[in-house]
Amino acid sequence: MARLNPANEQRARALMGLYPRPRSALMPMLHLAQEQDGWLTAEAMAHVAELIGITPAEVYGTASFYDMLFTEPVGRHLVSVCTNIACLLTGGTELLEHAESALGVNAGGTTPDGQFTLEEVECIGWCDKAPAVAVNWRYFGPVSPQGFDTLCDDLRAGRLADTVPPHGTLCRVRRTVGLPAGVPAHGRPMGDEPPGPALAAGGGG
């Protein structure tokens, strides 16, 4: 696996310039590295450490702490089925069981074709559309078993590529302006695309 490619190294250096100290850019740089490869390779983490002047062990210690960062390969689509209280009461557990059967893997597993990694998660903040599913942190709900099957078919066929980018991509909007750290500015952050469509009972997006 590669280190950060030249374009992403340039982006990483730009991120470092936004903070008073380079190591303050660690988290966004890790997300950048994960966007490149879909997970955090040892080589990419070592490169990040080199750029900001800390040890690879310190980078790994941070990366391994957060649920949104992965130090082992995951599928192109990280499918997160919520089983917290709102989803639990509306069929979240049954939906997870269906997902395991439909994909042929248990929660925590990745399909042999590398398309899907399935995980059971706590609240994803989509409680009014329970039971809810997140795919690469894009949200769908309410999702029925039939809707889950349609969602997976659409993901495999690329029909949701405009809504759900490959795993690791948090935002496809690139920074076009910015000020170095310490310079006051006013404004609002740029957002990503709107949430994904709902998948109602028996239907799909």
C-alpha atoms as a PDB file:
ATOM      1  CA  MET A   1       0.000   0.000   0.000  1.00  0.00           C
ATOM      2  CA  ALA A   2       1.164   3.504  -0.804  1.00  0.00           C
ATOM      3  CA  ARG A   3       1.937   6.547   1.215  1.00  0.00           C
ATOM      4  CA  LEU A   4      -0.074   9.665   0.486  1.00  0.00           C
ATOM      5  CA  ASN A   5       0.038  10.332  -3.233  1.00  0.00           C
ATOM      6  CA  PRO A   6       1.447  13.700  -4.398  1.00  0.00           C
ATOM      7  CA  ALA A   7      -1.955  15.365  -4.675  1.00  0.00           C
ATOM      8  CA  ASN A   8      -3.002  14.225  -1.208  1.00  0.00           C
ATOM      9  CA  GLU A   9       0.341  15.180   0.285  1.00  0.00           C
ATOM     10  CA  GLN A  10      -0.275  18.685  -1.043  1.00  0.00           C
ATOM     11  CA  ARG A  11      -3.744  18.653   0.522  1.00  0.00           C
ATOM     12  CA  ALA A  12      -2.239  17.424   3.804  1.00  0.00           C
ATOM     13  CA  ARG A  13       0.287  20.242   3.858  1.00  0.00           C
ATOM     14  CA  ALA A  14      -2.512  22.732   3.212  1.00  0.00           C
ATOM     15  CA  LEU A  15      -4.417  21.284   6.167  1.00  0.00           C
ATOM     16  CA  MET A  16      -1.369  21.696   8.389  1.00  0.00           C
ATOM     17  CA  GLY A  17      -1.273  25.383   7.469  1.00  0.00           C
ATOM     18  CA  LEU A  18      -4.730  25.898   8.952  1.00  0.00           C
ATOM     19  CA  TYR A  19      -3.592  25.102  12.493  1.00  0.00           C
ATOM     20  CA  PRO A  20      -1.183  26.798  14.928  1.00  0.00           C
ATOM     21  CA  ARG A  21       0.758  23.535  15.259  1.00  0.00           C
ATOM     22  CA  PRO A  22       1.097  20.850  12.567  1.00  0.00           C
ATOM     23  CA  ARG A  23       0.014  18.019  14.879  1.00  0.00           C
ATOM     24  CA  SER A  24      -3.356  19.731  15.339  1.00  0.00           C
ATOM     25  CA  ALA A  25      -4.114  18.648  11.764  1.00  0.00           C
ATOM     26  CA  LEU A  26      -3.797  14.956  12.647  1.00  0.00           C
ATOM     27  CA  MET A  27      -7.498  14.060  12.500  1.00  0.00           C
ATOM     28  CA  PRO A  28      -8.297  15.688   9.146  1.00  0.00           C
ATOM     29  CA  MET A  29      -5.087  14.230   7.733  1.00  0.00           C
ATOM     30  CA  LEU A  30      -6.155  10.752   8.853  1.00  0.00           C
ATOM     31  CA  HIS A  31      -9.509  11.214   7.161  1.00  0.00           C
ATOM     32  CA  LEU A  32      -7.625  12.295   4.051  1.00  0.00           C
ATOM     33  CA  ALA A  33      -5.473   9.154   4.152  1.00  0.00           C
ATOM     34  CA  GLN A  34      -8.558   6.991   4.647  1.00  0.00           C
ATOM     35  CA  GLU A  35     -10.233   8.681   1.685  1.00  0.00           C
ATOM     36  CA  GLN A  36      -7.256   7.713  -0.488  1.00  0.00           C
ATOM     37  CA  ASP A  37      -7.202   3.991   0.279  1.00  0.00           C
ATOM     38  CA  GLY A  38     -10.554   3.300   1.961  1.00  0.00           C
ATOM     39  CA  TRP A  39      -8.709   2.520   5.221  1.00  0.00           C
ATOM     40  CA  LEU A  40      -5.546   3.620   7.028  1.00  0.00           C
ATOM     41  CA  THR A  41      -2.546   1.719   5.774  1.00  0.00           C
ATOM     42  CA  ALA A  42       0.598   1.509   7.893  1.00  0.00           C
ATOM     43  CA  GLU A  43       2.501   3.357   5.171  1.00  0.00           C
ATOM     44  CA  ALA A  44      -0.006   6.208   5.050  1.00  0.00           C
ATOM     45  CA  MET A  45       0.006   6.558   8.840  1.00  0.00           C
ATOM     46  CA  ALA A  46       3.826   6.623   8.822  1.00  0.00           C
ATOM     47  CA  HIS A  47       3.716   9.339   6.156  1.00  0.00           C
ATOM     48  CA  VAL A  48       1.295  11.411   8.235  1.00  0.00           C
ATOM     49  CA  ALA A  49       3.590  11.008  11.247  1.00  0.00           C
ATOM     50  CA  GLU A  50       6.550  12.157   9.169  1.00  0.00           C
ATOM     51  CA  LEU A  51       4.723  15.236   7.914  1.00  0.00           C
ATOM     52  CA  ILE A  52       3.590  16.475  11.323  1.00  0.00           C
ATOM     53  CA  GLY A  53       6.642  15.405  13.297  1.00  0.00           C
ATOM     54  CA  ILE A  54       5.315  12.691  15.612  1.00  0.00           C
ATOM     55  CA  THR A  55       5.868   8.945  15.782  1.00  0.00           C
ATOM     56  CA  PRO A  56       3.867   6.362  13.798  1.00  0.00           C
ATOM     57  CA  ALA A  57       2.833   4.879  17.159  1.00  0.00           C
ATOM     58  CA  GLU A  58       1.217   8.165  18.146  1.00  0.00           C
ATOM     59  CA  VAL A  59      -0.673   8.274  14.859  1.00  0.00           C
ATOM     60  CA  TYR A  60      -1.817   4.668  15.274  1.00  0.00           C
ATOM     61  CA  GLY A  61      -2.868   5.346  18.861  1.00  0.00           C
ATOM     62  CA  THR A  62      -5.187   8.100  17.667  1.00  0.00           C
ATOM     63  CA  ALA A  63      -6.448   6.194  14.629  1.00  0.00           C
ATOM     64  CA  SER A  64      -7.279   3.066  16.618  1.00  0.00           C
ATOM     65  CA  PHE A  65      -9.328   5.045  19.152  1.00  0.00           C
ATOM     66  CA  TYR A  66     -12.020   6.367  16.813  1.00  0.00           C
ATOM     67  CA  ASP A  67     -14.826   4.280  15.315  1.00  0.00           C
ATOM     68  CA  MET A  68     -14.819   6.194  12.029  1.00  0.00           C
ATOM     69  CA  LEU A  69     -11.171   5.355  11.351  1.00  0.00           C
ATOM     70  CA  PHE A  70     -10.182   1.865  10.204  1.00  0.00           C
ATOM     71  CA  THR A  71      -6.708   0.367  10.463  1.00  0.00           C
ATOM     72  CA  GLU A  72      -7.791  -2.818   8.666  1.00  0.00           C
ATOM     73  CA  PRO A  73      -9.336  -3.088   5.179  1.00  0.00           C
ATOM     74  CA  VAL A  74     -13.079  -2.619   4.840  1.00  0.00           C
ATOM     75  CA  GLY A  75     -15.423  -2.965   1.888  1.00  0.00           C
ATOM     76  CA  ARG A  76     -16.183  -0.272  -0.634  1.00  0.00           C
ATOM     77  CA  HIS A  77     -19.471   0.222   1.214  1.00  0.00           C
ATOM     78  CA  LEU A  78     -19.537   0.296   5.017  1.00  0.00           C
ATOM     79  CA  VAL A  79     -23.117  -0.636   5.889  1.00  0.00           C
ATOM     80  CA  SER A  80     -24.023   0.400   9.429  1.00  0.00           C
ATOM     81  CA  VAL A  81     -27.295  -0.932  10.829  1.00  0.00           C
ATOM     82  CA  CYS A  82     -28.534   0.918  13.899  1.00  0.00           C
ATOM     83  CA  THR A  83     -29.970  -1.162  16.739  1.00  0.00           C
ATOM     84  CA  ASN A  84     -30.322   1.562  19.352  1.00  0.00           C
ATOM     85  CA  ILE A  85     -33.654   2.142  21.085  1.00  0.00           C
ATOM     86  CA  ALA A  86     -35.657   3.895  18.327  1.00  0.00           C
ATOM     87  CA  CYS A  87     -34.461   1.448  15.687  1.00  0.00           C
ATOM     88  CA  LEU A  88     -34.720  -1.494  18.078  1.00  0.00           C
ATOM     89  CA  LEU A  89     -38.406  -0.760  18.646  1.00  0.00           C
ATOM     90  CA  THR A  90     -39.107  -0.514  14.923  1.00  0.00           C
ATOM     91  CA  GLY A  91     -37.318  -3.644  13.745  1.00  0.00           C
ATOM     92  CA  GLY A  92     -33.623  -2.772  13.824  1.00  0.00           C
ATOM     93  CA  THR A  93     -32.558  -6.135  15.217  1.00  0.00           C
ATOM     94  CA  GLU A  94     -34.596  -7.993  12.614  1.00  0.00           C
ATOM     95  CA  LEU A  95     -33.138  -5.741   9.918  1.00  0.00           C
ATOM     96  CA  LEU A  96     -29.606  -6.585  11.071  1.00  0.00           C
ATOM     97  CA  GLU A  97     -30.423 -10.301  10.980  1.00  0.00           C
ATOM     98  CA  HIS A  98     -31.794  -9.885   7.470  1.00  0.00           C
ATOM     99  CA  ALA A  99     -28.688  -7.964   6.409  1.00  0.00           C
ATOM    100  CA  GLU A 100     -26.428 -10.727   7.722  1.00  0.00           C
ATOM    101  CA  SER A 101     -28.424 -13.306   5.804  1.00  0.00           C
ATOM    102  CA  ALA A 102     -28.637 -11.231   2.612  1.00  0.00           C
ATOM    103  CA  LEU A 103     -24.927 -10.400   2.529  1.00  0.00           C
ATOM    104  CA  GLY A 104     -23.756 -13.758   3.851  1.00  0.00           C
ATOM    105  CA  VAL A 105     -21.592 -12.240   6.598  1.00  0.00           C
ATOM    106  CA  ASN A 106     -22.030 -11.542  10.280  1.00  0.00           C
ATOM    107  CA  ALA A 107     -21.756  -8.025  11.675  1.00  0.00           C
ATOM    108  CA  GLY A 108     -18.087  -7.103  11.506  1.00  0.00           C
ATOM    109  CA  GLY A 109     -17.518  -9.123   8.341  1.00  0.00           C
ATOM    110  CA  THR A 110     -16.778  -8.172   4.742  1.00  0.00           C
ATOM    111  CA  THR A 111     -18.279  -9.866   1.703  1.00  0.00           C
ATOM    112  CA  PRO A 112     -15.855 -11.923  -0.425  1.00  0.00           C
ATOM    113  CA  ASP A 113     -16.166  -9.490  -3.334  1.00  0.00           C
ATOM    114  CA  GLY A 114     -15.032  -6.612  -1.127  1.00  0.00           C
ATOM    115  CA  GLN A 115     -18.200  -4.629  -1.787  1.00  0.00           C
ATOM    116  CA  PHE A 116     -19.740  -4.565   1.685  1.00  0.00           C
ATOM    117  CA  THR A 117     -18.598  -4.474   5.282  1.00  0.00           C
ATOM    118  CA  LEU A 118     -21.508  -4.876   7.687  1.00  0.00           C
ATOM    119  CA  GLU A 119     -21.527  -3.450  11.202  1.00  0.00           C
ATOM    120  CA  GLU A 120     -24.001  -3.034  14.045  1.00  0.00           C
ATOM    121  CA  VAL A 121     -23.902   0.470  15.503  1.00  0.00           C
ATOM    122  CA  GLU A 122     -25.403   2.578  18.229  1.00  0.00           C
ATOM    123  CA  CYS A 123     -27.514   5.643  17.455  1.00  0.00           C
ATOM    124  CA  ILE A 124     -26.703   7.306  14.131  1.00  0.00           C
ATOM    125  CA  GLY A 125     -29.038  10.232  14.776  1.00  0.00           C
ATOM    126  CA  TRP A 126     -31.735   9.270  12.275  1.00  0.00           C
ATOM    127  CA  CYS A 127     -34.267   8.302  14.937  1.00  0.00           C
ATOM    128  CA  ASP A 128     -37.300   9.842  13.249  1.00  0.00           C
ATOM    129  CA  LYS A 129     -36.674   7.537  10.275  1.00  0.00           C
ATOM    130  CA  ALA A 130     -36.085   4.317  12.172  1.00  0.00           C
ATOM    131  CA  PRO A 131     -35.033   1.675  11.441  1.00  0.00           C
ATOM    132  CA  ALA A 132     -32.113   3.464   9.850  1.00  0.00           C
ATOM    133  CA  VAL A 133     -29.000   2.441   7.965  1.00  0.00           C
ATOM    134  CA  ALA A 134     -25.888   4.421   7.122  1.00  0.00           C
ATOM    135  CA  VAL A 135     -23.734   3.594   4.094  1.00  0.00           C
ATOM    136  CA  ASN A 136     -20.378   5.361   4.164  1.00  0.00           C
ATOM    137  CA  TRP A 137     -22.036   7.853   6.544  1.00  0.00           C
ATOM    138  CA  ARG A 138     -24.872   8.637   4.155  1.00  0.00           C
ATOM    139  CA  TYR A 139     -28.208   7.928   5.792  1.00  0.00           C
ATOM    140  CA  PHE A 140     -31.236   5.931   4.671  1.00  0.00           C
ATOM    141  CA  GLY A 141     -34.490   5.280   6.441  1.00  0.00           C
ATOM    142  CA  PRO A 142     -36.848   3.899   7.270  1.00  0.00           C
ATOM    143  CA  VAL A 143     -35.409   0.732   5.751  1.00  0.00           C
ATOM    144  CA  SER A 144     -37.399  -2.489   5.465  1.00  0.00           C
ATOM    145  CA  PRO A 145     -35.791  -5.861   4.668  1.00  0.00           C
ATOM    146  CA  GLN A 146     -36.996  -5.478   1.088  1.00  0.00           C
ATOM    147  CA  GLY A 147     -35.674  -1.931   1.006  1.00  0.00           C
ATOM    148  CA  PHE A 148     -32.305  -3.166   2.267  1.00  0.00           C
ATOM    149  CA  ASP A 149     -32.077  -5.620  -0.622  1.00  0.00           C
ATOM    150  CA  THR A 150     -32.910  -2.853  -3.086  1.00  0.00           C
ATOM    151  CA  LEU A 151     -30.334  -0.579  -1.474  1.00  0.00           C
ATOM    152  CA  CYS A 152     -27.608  -3.217  -1.868  1.00  0.00           C
ATOM    153  CA  ASP A 153     -28.608  -3.880  -5.476  1.00  0.00           C
ATOM    154  CA  ASP A 154     -28.446  -0.172  -6.238  1.00  0.00           C
ATOM    155  CA  LEU A 155     -25.035   0.148  -4.573  1.00  0.00           C
ATOM    156  CA  ARG A 156     -23.633  -2.829  -6.504  1.00  0.00           C
ATOM    157  CA  ALA A 157     -24.939  -1.434  -9.791  1.00  0.00           C
ATOM    158  CA  GLY A 158     -23.561   2.059  -9.116  1.00  0.00           C
ATOM    159  CA  ARG A 159     -26.981   3.660  -9.226  1.00  0.00           C
ATOM    160  CA  LEU A 160     -26.258   5.579  -5.993  1.00  0.00           C
ATOM    161  CA  ALA A 161     -22.756   6.726  -6.927  1.00  0.00           C
ATOM    162  CA  ASP A 162     -23.856  10.368  -6.871  1.00  0.00           C
ATOM    163  CA  THR A 163     -25.138   9.959  -3.313  1.00  0.00           C
ATOM    164  CA  VAL A 164     -22.764   7.407  -1.775  1.00  0.00           C
ATOM    165  CA  PRO A 165     -19.068   7.765  -2.646  1.00  0.00           C
ATOM    166  CA  PRO A 166     -16.544   5.021  -1.830  1.00  0.00           C
ATOM    167  CA  HIS A 167     -15.747   4.442   1.829  1.00  0.00           C
ATOM    168  CA  GLY A 168     -13.525   7.071   3.380  1.00  0.00           C
ATOM    169  CA  THR A 169     -14.902  10.067   1.489  1.00  0.00           C
ATOM    170  CA  LEU A 170     -16.519  12.339   4.037  1.00  0.00           C
ATOM    171  CA  CYS A 171     -17.027  15.329   1.757  1.00  0.00           C
ATOM    172  CA  ARG A 172     -16.560  15.735  -1.975  1.00  0.00           C
ATOM    173  CA  VAL A 173     -16.530  19.529  -1.746  1.00  0.00           C
ATOM    174  CA  ARG A 174     -12.913  20.689  -1.947  1.00  0.00           C
ATOM    175  CA  ARG A 175     -11.714  23.705  -0.012  1.00  0.00           C
ATOM    176  CA  THR A 176     -11.205  26.583  -2.430  1.00  0.00           C
ATOM    177  CA  VAL A 177     -10.475  29.376   0.044  1.00  0.00           C
ATOM    178  CA  GLY A 178      -8.884  29.479   3.433  1.00  0.00           C
ATOM    179  CA  LEU A 179      -6.809  31.481   5.834  1.00  0.00           C
ATOM    180  CA  PRO A 180      -3.774  30.368   7.805  1.00  0.00           C
ATOM    181  CA  ALA A 181      -4.194  29.678  11.487  1.00  0.00           C
ATOM    182  CA  GLY A 182      -4.506  32.729  13.679  1.00  0.00           C
ATOM    183  CA  VAL A 183      -6.220  34.922  11.078  1.00  0.00           C
ATOM    184  CA  PRO A 184      -9.816  35.722  12.104  1.00  0.00           C
ATOM    185  CA  ALA A 185     -12.474  34.953   9.544  1.00  0.00           C
ATOM    186  CA  HIS A 186     -16.231  34.843   9.344  1.00  0.00           C
ATOM    187  CA  GLY A 187     -18.287  32.442   7.342  1.00  0.00           C
ATOM    188  CA  ARG A 188     -19.820  29.028   7.402  1.00  0.00           C
ATOM    189  CA  PRO A 189     -18.396  25.620   6.511  1.00  0.00           C
ATOM    190  CA  MET A 190     -19.213  24.062   3.193  1.00  0.00           C
ATOM    191  CA  GLY A 191     -21.439  20.998   3.366  1.00  0.00           C
ATOM    192  CA  ASP A 192     -21.758  17.797   1.417  1.00  0.00           C
ATOM    193  CA  GLU A 193     -24.653  16.510  -0.595  1.00  0.00           C
ATOM    194  CA  PRO A 194     -28.065  16.096   1.108  1.00  0.00           C
ATOM    195  CA  PRO A 195     -28.892  12.840   2.892  1.00  0.00           C
ATOM    196  CA  GLY A 196     -29.844   9.833   0.834  1.00  0.00           C
ATOM    197  CA  PRO A 197     -33.423   8.947  -0.041  1.00  0.00           C
ATOM    198  CA  ALA A 198     -35.693   7.093   2.319  1.00  0.00           C
ATOM    199  CA  LEU A 199     -36.361   3.422   1.743  1.00  0.00           C
ATOM    200  CA  ALA A 200     -39.902   2.760   2.837  1.00  0.00           C
ATOM    201  CA  ALA A 201     -41.393  -0.612   3.612  1.00  0.00           C
ATOM    202  CA  GLY A 202     -41.241  -2.803   0.579  1.00  0.00           C
ATOM    203  CA  GLY A 203     -39.601  -0.093  -1.459  1.00  0.00           C
ATOM    204  CA  GLY A 204     -36.196   1.192  -2.321  1.00  0.00           C
ATOM    205  CA  GLY A 205     -34.252   4.252  -3.253  1.00  0.00           C
END
